[in-house]
Amino acid sequence: MRQAWEIRGGLDAIFRTARPSQQSAAKLYKMSARSQPPVASPDEALNLVPALRDCLSPGVLVISRREQILSCTPEAEQLLALPPGKTTGAPLSLLPAALQNVVHEAFSRKQTVTVAELAITFGVQPVRKFHVNVLPLPARADDLEVVVTLTDITGFARMQQSIERLDRLATIGTLSASMAHEIKNALVAVKTFVDLLLEKNKDAELAAIVGREMDRVNTIVRQLLKFGGTNRPVHAAVRLHDVLEHSLRMVQHQLDGKLISLNRSFNATSDTVHGDNHQLEQVFVNLFLNAVDATGANGSLTVETEFISAAGSELAGQPHVRITVADTGAGIPPENLDQLFEPFFTTKNHGTGLGLPISRRIVQEHHGLITVESQPNKGTTFSIILPAGAQNS
């Protein structure tokens, strides 16, 4: 996933160029049941256990025609929030009203009644949804009993969304592998053409930028072709100020086009970190491009660094470097902030919703932290904190 996005960023930096289609969620469900790949953070994990546990532990009750609960399993007591061990012999009125109505219908019709989704409210708790099956059974010649089976399906909707998300992530992985072969072939012609242009234009800075970006894209393509696991960063000593300067050059044209003023304030007395300069550059370019998209004409983009001897509780224990990227753009509505780092969530008309999730993953792989603050119509500020120094990870 990350590699496809990085390739696009590298090609955009050289010249100035797709959204995956959705496959069957059922197939991904089977895949997730066999194996669950490791993920970087808990909020991105697909946790099927609670939903599956509820589905595989249905509650069962037996109710007489005289509206008396003859038997109730512990699972049913738990699902319906009934007093443990005190349900047997209790009246039907002990059950939620919605469930009572289904039981009455089964007695009245003397045939099985199935409700695919029955909403039941338990006090101030959120509404829970159940699959209910009521099966009449003749007890004696003149009597009738019903067996009620309850299955909690409240977690199904979230589980389905998670599986669909995995479906799209898997599609991107497959798409990336096929893209790599096509891009590698195209790069041969592109590199030849660029080399010819550089022979006629001896601009040393242009040659350096193009050469670096071509090398980066070639590296990414090689990693894609291996397709053997996650793309771990290649750690080395990295000067953040150099990476920031190069990243800003990548977006300078867009800044000039919208008359956005750039304010640099590189105050970090030590800007060395241990990481992958290409991946860190990808994070910064993404944040800068997002700021440009969100900021109107004559706005401003501020990039600051500072060396901090102790970070917050999550990153305490060693010195860190904080990088702040702030714009004066439209800001982010409060209801969208919690979803900002979720894959495929985007407010852009042509966005993929992958930039920020990938950026967060890169920062986490560098043992760092990325946070965001925003106010509508006032702007957005991203903060990245990375461990300082050239120590090993």
Protein backbone atom coordinates (compact mmCIF):
# COMPACT_ATOMS: atom_id res chain seq x y z
CA MET A 1 0.00 0.00 0.00
CA ARG A 2 2.66 2.49 1.07
CA GLN A 3 4.88 1.69 -1.88
CA ALA A 4 2.22 2.53 -4.46
CA TRP A 5 1.61 5.87 -2.79
CA GLU A 6 5.33 6.62 -2.57
CA ILE A 7 5.79 5.87 -6.26
CA ARG A 8 3.10 8.38 -7.10
CA GLY A 9 4.82 10.98 -4.91
CA GLY A 10 8.18 10.36 -6.58
CA LEU A 11 6.78 10.59 -10.08
CA ASP A 12 4.89 13.78 -9.22
CA ALA A 13 8.14 15.35 -8.09
CA ILE A 14 9.75 14.62 -11.47
CA PHE A 15 6.96 15.37 -13.89
CA ARG A 16 3.68 16.29 -12.48
CA THR A 17 0.21 10.86 -12.06
CA ALA A 18 -6.19 5.56 -9.35
CA ARG A 19 -8.47 4.11 -6.77
CA PRO A 20 -8.78 0.45 -6.01
CA SER A 21 -11.93 -1.39 -6.80
CA GLN A 22 -13.70 -3.33 -4.06
CA GLN A 23 -13.69 -7.13 -4.06
CA SER A 24 -15.82 -9.66 -2.24
CA ALA A 25 -15.90 -9.09 1.53
CA ALA A 26 -16.71 -12.75 2.01
CA LYS A 27 -13.34 -13.79 0.60
CA LEU A 28 -11.51 -11.46 2.98
CA TYR A 29 -13.57 -12.84 5.87
CA LYS A 30 -12.21 -16.30 5.13
CA MET A 31 -8.69 -14.90 4.84
CA SER A 32 -8.94 -13.05 8.15
CA ALA A 33 -10.18 -16.21 9.84
CA ARG A 34 -7.01 -18.03 8.75
CA SER A 35 -4.50 -15.36 9.65
CA GLN A 36 -4.32 -11.84 10.96
CA PRO A 37 -1.23 -9.87 9.87
CA PRO A 38 0.46 -7.61 12.43
CA VAL A 39 -0.50 -3.96 12.44
CA ALA A 40 1.19 -0.89 13.85
CA SER A 41 -1.48 0.46 16.17
CA PRO A 42 -4.49 -0.90 18.05
CA ASP A 43 -6.97 1.42 16.35
CA GLU A 44 -6.09 -0.11 12.98
CA ALA A 45 -6.48 -3.69 14.15
CA LEU A 46 -9.29 -5.90 12.92
CA ASN A 47 -10.65 -7.51 16.09
CA LEU A 48 -13.26 -10.10 15.22
CA VAL A 49 -13.16 -11.87 18.58
CA PRO A 50 -15.97 -10.00 20.42
CA ALA A 51 -18.41 -10.20 17.51
CA LEU A 52 -17.65 -13.86 16.81
CA ARG A 53 -17.88 -14.74 20.48
CA ASP A 54 -21.34 -13.20 20.69
CA CYS A 55 -22.47 -15.02 17.56
CA LEU A 56 -21.15 -18.37 18.75
CA SER A 57 -22.70 -17.99 22.23
CA PRO A 58 -26.43 -17.58 21.64
CA GLY A 59 -28.84 -17.40 24.53
CA VAL A 60 -31.71 -19.89 24.85
CA LEU A 61 -34.95 -19.61 26.83
CA VAL A 62 -37.96 -21.92 27.17
CA ILE A 63 -41.27 -20.17 27.86
CA SER A 64 -44.64 -21.74 28.63
CA ARG A 65 -48.00 -20.69 27.27
CA ARG A 66 -48.81 -19.40 30.78
CA GLU A 67 -46.03 -16.83 30.12
CA GLN A 68 -43.59 -18.33 32.57
CA ILE A 69 -39.87 -18.72 31.90
CA LEU A 70 -39.23 -22.44 32.37
CA SER A 71 -35.53 -22.39 31.56
CA CYS A 72 -32.87 -19.79 30.74
CA THR A 73 -29.22 -20.33 29.90
CA PRO A 74 -26.49 -18.15 31.47
CA GLU A 75 -25.75 -16.74 28.00
CA ALA A 76 -29.35 -15.54 27.68
CA GLU A 77 -29.20 -13.95 31.13
CA GLN A 78 -26.05 -12.10 30.14
CA LEU A 79 -27.38 -10.97 26.75
CA LEU A 80 -30.63 -9.69 28.24
CA ALA A 81 -29.05 -8.23 31.41
CA LEU A 82 -31.17 -10.51 33.63
CA PRO A 83 -30.31 -11.36 37.24
CA PRO A 84 -28.04 -14.45 37.20
CA GLY A 85 -29.70 -17.63 38.40
CA LYS A 86 -33.03 -15.98 39.19
CA THR A 87 -34.74 -16.13 35.82
CA THR A 88 -36.16 -19.64 35.86
CA GLY A 89 -39.76 -19.49 37.09
CA ALA A 90 -40.01 -15.75 36.52
CA PRO A 91 -42.86 -14.25 34.43
CA LEU A 92 -42.47 -13.33 30.77
CA SER A 93 -42.83 -9.67 31.77
CA LEU A 94 -39.24 -9.83 33.06
CA LEU A 95 -38.05 -9.81 29.46
CA PRO A 96 -37.76 -6.66 27.30
CA ALA A 97 -41.07 -5.57 25.75
CA ALA A 98 -39.81 -6.04 22.18
CA LEU A 99 -38.95 -9.67 22.90
CA GLN A 100 -42.27 -10.26 24.66
CA ASN A 101 -44.09 -9.17 21.50
CA VAL A 102 -42.21 -11.73 19.39
CA VAL A 103 -43.06 -14.51 21.88
CA HIS A 104 -46.74 -13.50 21.87
CA GLU A 105 -46.75 -13.63 18.08
CA ALA A 106 -45.31 -17.15 18.08
CA PHE A 107 -47.95 -18.36 20.54
CA SER A 108 -50.68 -16.69 18.52
CA ARG A 109 -49.60 -18.08 15.15
CA LYS A 110 -48.40 -21.46 16.53
CA GLN A 111 -45.50 -21.41 14.12
CA THR A 112 -41.89 -20.31 14.06
CA VAL A 113 -41.26 -16.58 14.15
CA THR A 114 -37.87 -15.22 13.10
CA VAL A 115 -36.77 -11.61 13.48
CA ALA A 116 -33.54 -10.89 11.61
CA GLU A 117 -32.78 -7.71 13.55
CA LEU A 118 -34.58 -6.89 16.78
CA ALA A 119 -33.48 -3.69 18.51
CA ILE A 120 -33.55 -3.81 22.30
CA THR A 121 -32.69 -0.97 24.66
CA PHE A 122 -31.26 -1.62 28.12
CA GLY A 123 -31.64 1.51 30.20
CA VAL A 124 -29.19 4.22 29.23
CA GLN A 125 -26.95 1.81 27.31
CA PRO A 126 -26.73 1.99 23.50
CA VAL A 127 -29.29 0.03 21.52
CA ARG A 128 -28.26 -3.57 20.88
CA LYS A 129 -29.46 -5.68 17.98
CA PHE A 130 -30.39 -9.36 18.14
CA HIS A 131 -31.31 -12.11 15.74
CA VAL A 132 -34.30 -13.84 17.36
CA ASN A 133 -35.82 -17.22 16.54
CA VAL A 134 -38.93 -18.45 18.42
CA LEU A 135 -39.83 -22.11 17.82
CA PRO A 136 -43.16 -23.48 19.21
CA LEU A 137 -43.01 -26.99 20.65
CA PRO A 138 -46.03 -28.96 21.83
CA ALA A 139 -45.48 -29.79 25.51
CA ARG A 140 -48.68 -31.77 26.07
CA ALA A 141 -51.88 -32.28 24.16
CA ASP A 142 -53.38 -29.06 25.50
CA ASP A 143 -50.26 -27.04 26.07
CA LEU A 144 -47.53 -25.28 24.10
CA GLU A 145 -44.04 -24.06 24.84
CA VAL A 146 -41.66 -21.98 22.80
CA VAL A 147 -37.89 -22.09 22.55
CA VAL A 148 -36.34 -18.66 22.10
CA THR A 149 -32.85 -18.38 20.61
CA LEU A 150 -31.05 -15.02 20.81
CA THR A 151 -27.89 -14.01 18.96
CA ASP A 152 -26.27 -10.63 19.53
CA ILE A 153 -25.46 -9.12 16.11
CA THR A 154 -24.59 -5.62 17.32
CA GLY A 155 -20.95 -5.98 16.28
CA PHE A 156 -21.76 -7.21 12.80
CA ALA A 157 -21.86 -3.77 11.15
CA ARG A 158 -18.45 -2.78 12.47
CA MET A 159 -17.03 -6.18 11.59
CA GLN A 160 -18.33 -5.86 8.04
CA GLN A 161 -16.78 -2.40 7.66
CA SER A 162 -13.45 -3.74 8.92
CA ILE A 163 -13.54 -6.63 6.47
CA GLU A 164 -14.39 -4.31 3.60
CA ARG A 165 -11.47 -2.11 4.57
CA LEU A 166 -9.15 -5.13 4.58
CA ASP A 167 -10.59 -6.03 1.19
CA ARG A 168 -9.54 -2.72 -0.26
CA LEU A 169 -6.11 -2.90 1.40
CA ALA A 170 -5.57 -6.35 -0.12
CA THR A 171 -6.64 -5.02 -3.50
CA ILE A 172 -4.04 -2.28 -3.27
CA GLY A 173 -1.37 -4.85 -2.43
CA THR A 174 -2.22 -6.89 -5.52
CA LEU A 175 -2.45 -3.76 -7.64
CA SER A 176 0.95 -2.59 -6.41
CA ALA A 177 2.66 -5.76 -7.57
CA SER A 178 1.32 -5.45 -11.10
CA MET A 179 2.02 -1.70 -11.17
CA ALA A 180 5.65 -2.26 -10.28
CA HIS A 181 6.37 -4.19 -13.47
CA GLU A 182 4.72 -1.53 -15.64
CA ILE A 183 6.44 1.33 -13.84
CA LYS A 184 9.84 -0.34 -14.08
CA ASN A 185 9.48 -0.64 -17.84
CA ALA A 186 8.31 2.96 -18.16
CA LEU A 187 11.18 4.22 -16.01
CA VAL A 188 13.72 2.98 -18.52
CA ALA A 189 12.33 5.30 -21.19
CA VAL A 190 11.83 8.15 -18.70
CA LYS A 191 15.38 7.92 -17.39
CA THR A 192 16.80 7.96 -20.92
CA PHE A 193 14.73 11.01 -21.80
CA VAL A 194 15.71 12.84 -18.59
CA ASP A 195 19.39 12.08 -19.12
CA LEU A 196 19.19 13.62 -22.60
CA LEU A 197 17.52 16.74 -21.19
CA LEU A 198 20.14 17.08 -18.48
CA GLU A 199 22.92 16.88 -21.07
CA LYS A 200 21.46 20.00 -22.70
CA ASN A 201 20.59 21.70 -19.40
CA LYS A 202 23.55 21.61 -17.03
CA ASP A 203 21.57 23.00 -14.07
CA ALA A 204 23.35 21.25 -11.21
CA GLU A 205 20.47 21.61 -8.72
CA LEU A 206 17.93 20.29 -11.23
CA ALA A 207 20.17 17.34 -12.05
CA ALA A 208 20.60 16.53 -8.37
CA ILE A 209 16.85 16.65 -7.67
CA VAL A 210 15.90 14.55 -10.69
CA GLY A 211 18.64 12.02 -9.99
CA ARG A 212 17.61 11.64 -6.38
CA GLU A 213 13.93 11.19 -7.24
CA MET A 214 14.71 8.67 -9.97
CA ASP A 215 16.82 6.65 -7.53
CA ARG A 216 14.02 6.76 -4.97
CA VAL A 217 11.41 5.51 -7.42
CA ASN A 218 13.76 2.75 -8.59
CA THR A 219 14.29 1.67 -4.99
CA ILE A 220 10.57 1.54 -4.33
CA VAL A 221 9.93 -0.48 -7.47
CA ARG A 222 12.55 -3.03 -6.45
CA GLN A 223 10.89 -3.36 -3.06
CA LEU A 224 7.52 -3.84 -4.71
CA LEU A 225 8.83 -6.55 -6.98
CA LYS A 226 10.08 -8.50 -3.97
CA PHE A 227 6.57 -8.33 -2.54
CA GLY A 228 7.68 -10.38 0.41
CA GLY A 229 6.54 -8.34 3.39
CA THR A 230 6.18 -4.90 4.86
CA ASN A 231 8.57 -2.19 3.71
CA ARG A 232 10.70 -1.54 6.77
CA PRO A 233 12.67 1.70 6.90
CA VAL A 234 16.39 1.58 6.12
CA HIS A 235 17.83 3.35 9.15
CA ALA A 236 20.78 5.69 9.00
CA ALA A 237 21.72 9.05 10.46
CA VAL A 238 19.38 11.65 8.93
CA ARG A 239 19.55 15.46 9.15
CA LEU A 240 15.93 16.56 9.44
CA HIS A 241 16.63 20.09 8.28
CA ASP A 242 18.07 18.78 5.02
CA VAL A 243 15.06 16.51 4.53
CA LEU A 244 12.68 19.39 5.24
CA GLU A 245 14.48 21.69 2.82
CA HIS A 246 14.35 19.10 0.06
CA SER A 247 10.67 18.42 0.76
CA LEU A 248 9.86 22.13 0.60
CA ARG A 249 11.59 22.40 -2.77
CA MET A 250 9.24 19.68 -4.01
CA VAL A 251 6.19 21.87 -3.25
CA GLN A 252 7.66 25.33 -3.91
CA HIS A 253 5.89 25.57 -7.26
CA GLN A 254 2.50 24.95 -5.66
CA LEU A 255 3.23 27.50 -2.94
CA ASP A 256 4.17 30.13 -5.49
CA GLY A 257 1.11 29.35 -7.61
CA LYS A 258 -1.26 30.20 -4.73
CA LEU A 259 0.90 33.02 -3.33
CA ILE A 260 1.28 31.14 -0.05
CA SER A 261 4.03 32.57 2.11
CA LEU A 262 6.49 30.12 3.63
CA ASN A 263 7.81 30.70 7.13
CA ARG A 264 10.79 28.61 8.21
CA SER A 265 11.91 28.44 11.80
CA PHE A 266 14.46 25.68 12.16
CA ASN A 267 15.42 26.08 15.82
CA ALA A 268 16.43 22.51 16.66
CA THR A 269 20.00 22.72 17.96
CA SER A 270 20.43 19.07 16.96
CA ASP A 271 18.35 17.82 14.04
CA THR A 272 19.89 14.35 13.65
CA VAL A 273 17.57 11.37 13.91
CA HIS A 274 17.97 7.70 13.08
CA GLY A 275 15.67 6.82 10.20
CA ASP A 276 14.94 6.54 6.50
CA ASN A 277 15.28 9.89 4.75
CA HIS A 278 13.09 8.87 1.81
CA GLN A 279 10.23 7.79 4.03
CA LEU A 280 10.49 10.87 6.23
CA GLU A 281 10.53 13.03 3.13
CA GLN A 282 7.35 11.32 2.01
CA VAL A 283 5.68 12.29 5.29
CA PHE A 284 6.68 15.93 4.99
CA VAL A 285 5.76 16.25 1.31
CA ASN A 286 2.33 14.81 2.08
CA LEU A 287 1.77 17.27 4.93
CA PHE A 288 2.96 20.20 2.80
CA LEU A 289 0.70 19.25 -0.13
CA ASN A 290 -2.27 18.86 2.21
CA ALA A 291 -1.55 22.32 3.61
CA VAL A 292 -1.40 23.78 0.11
CA ASP A 293 -4.73 22.16 -0.80
CA ALA A 294 -6.40 23.51 2.34
CA THR A 295 -4.96 27.02 2.17
CA GLY A 296 -6.37 29.75 -0.01
CA ALA A 297 -4.47 32.44 -1.89
CA ASN A 298 -2.22 34.66 0.21
CA GLY A 299 -2.27 32.22 3.11
CA SER A 300 0.78 30.97 4.95
CA LEU A 301 2.62 27.75 5.71
CA THR A 302 4.86 27.60 8.78
CA VAL A 303 7.45 24.87 9.34
CA GLU A 304 9.23 24.83 12.67
CA THR A 305 11.64 22.51 14.46
CA GLU A 306 12.78 22.45 18.07
CA PHE A 307 14.95 20.21 20.19
CA ILE A 308 13.21 19.03 23.34
CA SER A 309 14.97 17.28 26.19
CA ALA A 310 11.85 15.39 27.34
CA ALA A 311 8.74 14.59 25.34
CA GLY A 312 5.29 13.73 26.63
CA SER A 313 4.60 10.62 28.65
CA GLU A 314 4.26 8.49 25.52
CA LEU A 315 7.80 9.26 24.31
CA ALA A 316 9.64 10.13 27.49
CA GLY A 317 13.10 8.85 28.26
CA GLN A 318 15.37 10.53 25.69
CA PRO A 319 15.73 13.80 23.76
CA HIS A 320 13.44 14.37 20.81
CA VAL A 321 12.99 16.68 17.85
CA ARG A 322 9.56 18.21 17.26
CA ILE A 323 8.57 19.23 13.72
CA THR A 324 5.50 21.46 13.43
CA VAL A 325 3.66 22.08 10.16
CA ALA A 326 0.97 24.74 10.44
CA ASP A 327 -1.25 26.33 7.79
CA THR A 328 -3.88 29.04 7.76
CA GLY A 329 -6.30 27.00 5.68
CA ALA A 330 -9.92 25.96 6.01
CA GLY A 331 -9.26 23.69 8.99
CA ILE A 332 -10.81 20.31 9.78
CA PRO A 333 -14.31 19.91 11.27
CA PRO A 334 -14.20 18.42 14.80
CA GLU A 335 -16.27 15.40 13.71
CA ASN A 336 -13.59 14.48 11.15
CA LEU A 337 -10.55 14.69 13.41
CA ASP A 338 -10.96 11.19 14.86
CA GLN A 339 -11.14 9.67 11.36
CA LEU A 340 -8.27 11.64 9.88
CA PHE A 341 -5.75 8.78 10.07
CA GLU A 342 -8.15 6.03 9.00
CA PRO A 343 -7.40 4.44 5.61
CA PHE A 344 -9.60 5.71 2.76
CA PHE A 345 -11.14 8.54 4.77
CA THR A 346 -10.84 11.74 2.78
CA THR A 347 -12.65 15.03 2.39
CA LYS A 348 -11.05 15.71 -0.99
CA ASN A 349 -12.99 15.15 -4.20
CA HIS A 350 -10.15 13.18 -5.77
CA GLY A 351 -8.29 12.02 -2.66
CA THR A 352 -7.39 8.42 -1.88
CA GLY A 353 -7.47 8.72 1.89
CA LEU A 354 -4.07 6.98 2.15
CA GLY A 355 -1.64 9.86 2.68
CA LEU A 356 -2.14 10.48 6.39
CA PRO A 357 -2.52 6.81 7.43
CA ILE A 358 0.73 5.99 5.64
CA SER A 359 2.43 9.03 7.15
CA ARG A 360 1.40 7.92 10.63
CA ARG A 361 2.67 4.40 9.96
CA ILE A 362 6.05 5.78 8.85
CA VAL A 363 6.31 7.96 11.95
CA GLN A 364 5.41 5.02 14.20
CA GLU A 365 8.04 2.86 12.53
CA HIS A 366 10.52 5.59 13.46
CA HIS A 367 9.34 5.31 17.09
CA GLY A 368 7.71 8.70 16.84
CA LEU A 369 4.33 10.32 17.35
CA ILE A 370 2.17 12.44 15.05
CA THR A 371 -0.72 14.56 16.31
CA VAL A 372 -3.06 17.13 14.80
CA GLU A 373 -4.94 20.16 16.03
CA SER A 374 -7.36 22.14 13.91
CA GLN A 375 -10.01 24.82 14.03
CA PRO A 376 -12.43 25.40 11.14
CA ASN A 377 -11.57 28.54 9.14
CA LYS A 378 -8.42 29.10 11.22
CA GLY A 379 -6.03 26.40 10.12
CA THR A 380 -4.44 23.08 10.99
CA THR A 381 -1.26 22.16 12.83
CA PHE A 382 0.49 18.80 12.60
CA SER A 383 3.19 17.94 15.14
CA ILE A 384 5.70 15.14 14.67
CA ILE A 385 8.01 14.09 17.50
CA LEU A 386 10.98 11.84 16.67
CA PRO A 387 13.73 10.46 18.92
CA ALA A 388 16.89 12.53 18.49
CA GLY A 389 20.36 11.19 17.81
CA ALA A 390 21.87 8.56 15.55
CA GLN A 391 21.30 5.67 17.94
CA ASN A 392 20.16 2.26 16.71
CA SER A 393 16.45 1.40 16.80
